[in-house]
Amino acid sequence: MSKSPSPKPIEIKISTVVAVSAILHTADTQAVDAALKAMTGGVADFFEGDLAVIDIAGLAPDCAPIDWAGLIARLKQYRLNPVAVRGAPEAQHEAILAHGLSLDSGSKPRDEADAAPAPAPAPVAAVAAAQPAAAAAAAPGAMIIDTPVRAGQRIYARGCDLIITAVVNNGAEIISDGSIHVYAALNGRALAGASGNANSRIFALSMAPELVSIAGVYRTFEDGFPPELARQPTQISLVGERIDILSVSPATRS
């Protein structure tokens, strides 16, 4: 009886990894902590262990030195997992690498107008999907999911729309470079236009998400989705830098 070949000790495969950008406008870790607390409503597991790229390109050249250990610790308090730094001058490279972070030479996702409309103080301008700067239309086609999206599950439709015909549960995260269509209840987190396409939209037959984002601009619903639209057919779009919520019920659009 022949033996099946032993598995390889390690395999390397291409995988989709979505990170968020933590865009700093101050090196004051206490100010950053206050901004994150306001942004998340003090919810300790708001980001659920998301990978984070720290963007310091917007810091003034004469700002105070960055306390990397303190900054990393503050981000981890909110379950952000810093893995890299973007926009760092060469003089800071050694300190960054010494703290176990990589150097990201990629461009910023968008300009500083990427700040979310949430009432967060200025030190942290935005936490947005870390993607290329150019806004590109979604490629033809779509990813179709016919099964429920469970808590803790993350689905990313790269370069196309995402269509889901089953419920998206609380704690789930769905991401698309194009638009998102949920022909059921949307309860988790939905991020459309992840590659920067501001014309993307989010549609659901029953809308009650925890967070929505379009092209990096996001809005959270700690106090619940607007009651007049909750659990109704709804679309979400980006108007300027504002997340716009509109009913798609024929009765309200006549």
Protein backbone atom coordinates (compact mmCIF):
# COMPACT_ATOMS: atom_id res chain seq x y z
CA MET A 1 0.00 0.00 0.00
CA SER A 2 1.61 3.23 -1.16
CA LYS A 3 1.91 6.14 1.19
CA SER A 4 0.56 9.52 0.28
CA PRO A 5 3.29 12.15 -0.04
CA SER A 6 4.11 14.07 3.11
CA PRO A 7 2.85 17.66 3.21
CA LYS A 8 5.43 20.34 2.56
CA PRO A 9 6.79 22.06 5.69
CA ILE A 10 5.56 25.41 4.35
CA GLU A 11 3.61 26.68 1.38
CA ILE A 12 3.49 30.27 0.11
CA LYS A 13 0.33 31.32 -1.69
CA ILE A 14 -1.02 34.68 -2.80
CA SER A 15 -3.63 35.93 -0.35
CA THR A 16 -5.81 39.02 -0.14
CA VAL A 17 -4.95 41.09 2.92
CA VAL A 18 -6.95 44.20 3.76
CA ALA A 19 -5.43 46.70 6.16
CA VAL A 20 -6.60 50.01 7.50
CA SER A 21 -4.63 53.24 7.45
CA ALA A 22 -4.20 55.15 10.71
CA ILE A 23 -3.39 58.66 9.43
CA LEU A 24 -1.66 60.75 12.08
CA HIS A 25 -1.59 64.52 12.40
CA THR A 26 0.18 64.58 15.76
CA ALA A 27 2.84 62.58 17.58
CA ASP A 28 1.04 63.10 20.91
CA THR A 29 -0.06 59.58 21.92
CA GLN A 30 -2.50 60.92 24.52
CA ALA A 31 -4.24 63.00 21.85
CA VAL A 32 -4.34 59.95 19.59
CA ASP A 33 -5.88 57.90 22.40
CA ALA A 34 -8.55 60.55 23.01
CA ALA A 35 -9.37 60.67 19.29
CA LEU A 36 -9.65 56.89 19.03
CA LYS A 37 -11.86 56.79 22.11
CA ALA A 38 -14.19 59.36 20.56
CA MET A 39 -14.11 57.60 17.19
CA THR A 40 -14.96 54.15 18.57
CA GLY A 41 -17.25 55.22 21.40
CA GLY A 42 -14.87 53.51 23.80
CA VAL A 43 -15.64 50.05 22.37
CA ALA A 44 -12.46 48.09 23.04
CA ASP A 45 -12.95 45.53 20.23
CA PHE A 46 -14.19 47.99 17.60
CA PHE A 47 -11.50 47.07 15.03
CA GLU A 48 -11.44 43.31 15.76
CA GLY A 49 -7.69 42.86 15.30
CA ASP A 50 -7.50 44.61 11.92
CA LEU A 51 -4.05 45.07 10.43
CA ALA A 52 -3.01 48.73 10.40
CA VAL A 53 -0.58 50.85 8.41
CA ILE A 54 0.50 53.97 10.32
CA ASP A 55 0.64 56.91 7.92
CA ILE A 56 2.86 59.74 9.19
CA ALA A 57 3.29 61.64 5.92
CA GLY A 58 1.07 64.43 7.24
CA LEU A 59 3.15 65.15 10.33
CA ALA A 60 4.91 68.51 10.45
CA PRO A 61 8.71 68.24 10.03
CA ASP A 62 9.25 69.99 13.38
CA CYS A 63 6.77 67.89 15.38
CA ALA A 64 7.84 66.07 18.53
CA PRO A 65 9.59 62.68 18.14
CA ILE A 66 7.22 59.72 17.85
CA ASP A 67 7.04 57.39 20.83
CA TRP A 68 6.72 54.24 18.73
CA ALA A 69 6.29 51.87 21.68
CA GLY A 70 3.57 54.10 23.16
CA LEU A 71 1.80 54.58 19.83
CA ILE A 72 1.79 50.86 19.07
CA ALA A 73 0.42 50.12 22.54
CA ARG A 74 -2.37 52.70 22.12
CA LEU A 75 -3.44 51.25 18.79
CA LYS A 76 -3.44 47.72 20.17
CA GLN A 77 -5.72 48.84 23.01
CA TYR A 78 -8.38 49.29 20.31
CA ARG A 79 -7.45 46.00 18.63
CA LEU A 80 -5.61 47.61 15.75
CA ASN A 81 -2.55 45.55 14.86
CA PRO A 82 0.19 47.87 13.47
CA VAL A 83 2.33 46.15 10.84
CA ALA A 84 3.91 48.95 8.80
CA VAL A 85 4.58 52.69 8.57
CA ARG A 86 3.96 54.82 5.49
CA GLY A 87 5.46 58.21 4.66
CA ALA A 88 8.38 57.98 7.09
CA PRO A 89 11.53 60.03 6.44
CA GLU A 90 14.75 58.05 6.20
CA ALA A 91 15.92 59.34 9.57
CA GLN A 92 13.12 57.37 11.26
CA HIS A 93 13.58 54.09 9.41
CA GLU A 94 15.93 52.56 11.98
CA ALA A 95 13.59 53.29 14.91
CA ILE A 96 10.58 51.96 12.99
CA LEU A 97 12.30 48.70 12.07
CA ALA A 98 13.56 48.32 15.65
CA HIS A 99 9.95 48.20 16.83
CA GLY A 100 9.06 45.36 14.49
CA LEU A 101 7.25 47.47 11.89
CA SER A 102 7.81 47.33 8.14
CA LEU A 103 8.34 50.31 5.86
CA ASP A 104 5.50 50.87 3.39
CA SER A 105 6.56 52.95 0.40
CA GLY A 106 3.09 52.95 -1.15
CA SER A 107 1.11 56.13 -1.71
CA LYS A 108 -1.60 57.34 0.62
CA PRO A 109 -5.10 55.99 -0.11
CA ARG A 110 -6.45 59.46 -0.72
CA ASP A 111 -5.56 62.98 0.37
CA GLU A 112 -6.20 64.42 3.79
CA ALA A 113 -9.82 65.09 2.87
CA ASP A 114 -10.26 61.37 3.59
CA ALA A 115 -11.27 62.25 7.15
CA ALA A 116 -14.44 60.48 8.20
CA PRO A 117 -17.46 62.54 9.17
CA ALA A 118 -17.40 61.03 12.64
CA PRO A 119 -16.91 63.54 15.47
CA ALA A 120 -13.28 62.56 16.10
CA PRO A 121 -10.71 65.18 17.13
CA ALA A 122 -8.12 66.17 14.54
CA PRO A 123 -5.12 64.05 15.66
CA VAL A 124 -6.38 60.91 13.90
CA ALA A 125 -7.85 62.02 10.60
CA ALA A 126 -9.19 58.70 9.40
CA VAL A 127 -9.01 54.97 9.61
CA ALA A 128 -9.68 53.82 6.07
CA ALA A 129 -9.02 50.88 3.78
CA ALA A 130 -5.37 50.98 2.75
CA GLN A 131 -5.58 50.87 -1.04
CA PRO A 132 -3.99 52.60 -4.08
CA ALA A 133 -4.65 56.31 -4.57
CA ALA A 134 -6.20 56.27 -8.03
CA ALA A 135 -9.95 55.76 -8.10
CA ALA A 136 -10.73 53.11 -10.65
CA ALA A 137 -14.12 51.84 -11.78
CA ALA A 138 -14.90 48.27 -10.77
CA ALA A 139 -14.09 45.64 -13.35
CA PRO A 140 -16.98 43.86 -15.10
CA GLY A 141 -18.52 40.95 -13.31
CA ALA A 142 -19.29 40.27 -9.68
CA MET A 143 -18.56 37.88 -6.86
CA ILE A 144 -21.76 36.10 -5.79
CA ILE A 145 -22.18 34.62 -2.31
CA ASP A 146 -25.24 32.45 -1.69
CA THR A 147 -24.59 31.47 1.92
CA PRO A 148 -24.85 33.48 5.16
CA VAL A 149 -21.76 35.46 6.13
CA ARG A 150 -20.97 34.53 9.71
CA ALA A 151 -19.54 36.61 12.55
CA GLY A 152 -15.76 36.84 12.21
CA GLN A 153 -15.87 36.04 8.48
CA ARG A 154 -14.39 38.50 5.97
CA ILE A 155 -15.18 38.47 2.24
CA TYR A 156 -13.34 40.65 -0.28
CA ALA A 157 -14.51 41.06 -3.90
CA ARG A 158 -11.35 42.33 -5.58
CA GLY A 159 -11.90 44.40 -8.72
CA CYS A 160 -15.64 43.76 -8.96
CA ASP A 161 -19.02 44.14 -7.29
CA LEU A 162 -20.11 41.88 -4.44
CA ILE A 163 -23.56 40.28 -4.47
CA ILE A 164 -24.81 38.40 -1.41
CA THR A 165 -28.17 36.62 -1.38
CA ALA A 166 -28.12 35.62 2.30
CA VAL A 167 -27.87 37.39 5.63
CA VAL A 168 -24.68 39.20 6.69
CA ASN A 169 -24.47 38.66 10.43
CA ASN A 170 -23.19 41.01 13.13
CA GLY A 171 -19.41 40.75 13.37
CA ALA A 172 -19.00 39.85 9.68
CA GLU A 173 -17.15 42.10 7.24
CA ILE A 174 -17.81 42.37 3.50
CA ILE A 175 -15.51 44.38 1.22
CA SER A 176 -15.71 45.21 -2.48
CA ASP A 177 -13.73 47.32 -4.91
CA GLY A 178 -17.08 48.07 -6.55
CA SER A 179 -20.60 48.21 -5.12
CA ILE A 180 -22.16 45.87 -2.58
CA HIS A 181 -25.62 44.33 -3.04
CA VAL A 182 -27.18 42.35 -0.18
CA TYR A 183 -30.51 40.73 -1.03
CA ALA A 184 -31.17 40.01 2.64
CA ALA A 185 -30.32 41.59 6.00
CA LEU A 186 -27.04 43.51 6.29
CA ASN A 187 -25.99 43.54 9.95
CA GLY A 188 -22.19 43.56 9.88
CA ARG A 189 -19.61 45.89 8.37
CA ALA A 190 -19.75 46.80 4.66
CA LEU A 191 -16.90 48.58 2.83
CA ALA A 192 -17.53 49.45 -0.83
CA GLY A 193 -15.16 51.18 -3.25
CA ALA A 194 -12.19 49.78 -1.33
CA SER A 195 -9.80 50.67 -4.18
CA GLY A 196 -10.95 54.30 -4.12
CA ASN A 197 -14.04 54.24 -6.35
CA ALA A 198 -16.20 56.97 -4.79
CA ASN A 199 -19.11 56.12 -7.12
CA SER A 200 -19.61 52.74 -5.46
CA ARG A 201 -22.75 52.16 -3.41
CA ILE A 202 -24.11 49.77 -0.80
CA PHE A 203 -27.59 48.29 -1.25
CA ALA A 204 -29.52 46.01 1.11
CA LEU A 205 -33.09 44.80 1.41
CA SER A 206 -32.84 45.12 5.19
CA MET A 207 -30.24 47.62 6.35
CA ALA A 208 -28.89 47.65 9.92
CA PRO A 209 -25.08 47.65 9.64
CA GLU A 210 -22.48 48.23 12.33
CA LEU A 211 -20.29 50.27 9.97
CA VAL A 212 -20.35 51.33 6.33
CA SER A 213 -17.54 52.78 4.24
CA ILE A 214 -17.26 54.05 0.68
CA ALA A 215 -13.83 54.86 -0.75
CA GLY A 216 -12.41 55.09 2.77
CA VAL A 217 -15.01 57.49 4.20
CA TYR A 218 -16.92 55.67 6.90
CA ARG A 219 -19.80 55.99 9.30
CA THR A 220 -20.57 53.91 12.37
CA PHE A 221 -23.91 53.24 14.05
CA GLU A 222 -23.21 52.66 17.74
CA ASP A 223 -26.61 54.16 18.57
CA GLY A 224 -28.37 52.13 15.90
CA PHE A 225 -29.22 52.72 12.26
CA PRO A 226 -31.60 55.66 11.59
CA PRO A 227 -34.95 54.26 12.80
CA GLU A 228 -36.93 55.54 9.84
CA LEU A 229 -34.73 53.47 7.50
CA ALA A 230 -33.72 50.53 9.72
CA ARG A 231 -34.65 47.12 8.32
CA GLN A 232 -35.83 48.76 5.11
CA PRO A 233 -34.58 48.53 1.50
CA THR A 234 -31.85 51.17 1.55
CA GLN A 235 -28.90 52.44 -0.44
CA ILE A 236 -25.78 54.17 0.85
CA SER A 237 -23.66 56.46 -1.30
CA LEU A 238 -20.89 59.02 -0.93
CA VAL A 239 -21.83 62.66 -1.52
CA GLY A 240 -18.69 64.77 -1.27
CA GLU A 241 -17.22 63.62 2.03
CA ARG A 242 -20.60 62.66 3.55
CA ILE A 243 -22.13 59.21 3.76
CA ASP A 244 -25.68 59.55 2.40
CA ILE A 245 -28.46 57.13 3.35
CA LEU A 246 -31.57 56.91 1.17
CA SER A 247 -34.57 54.61 1.00
CA VAL A 248 -35.06 52.61 -2.19
CA SER A 249 -38.65 51.76 -1.38
CA PRO A 250 -40.94 52.76 -4.28
CA ALA A 251 -43.41 54.31 -1.82
CA THR A 252 -40.83 56.85 -0.64
CA ARG A 253 -39.42 57.64 -4.09
CA SER A 254 -42.63 58.37 -5.98
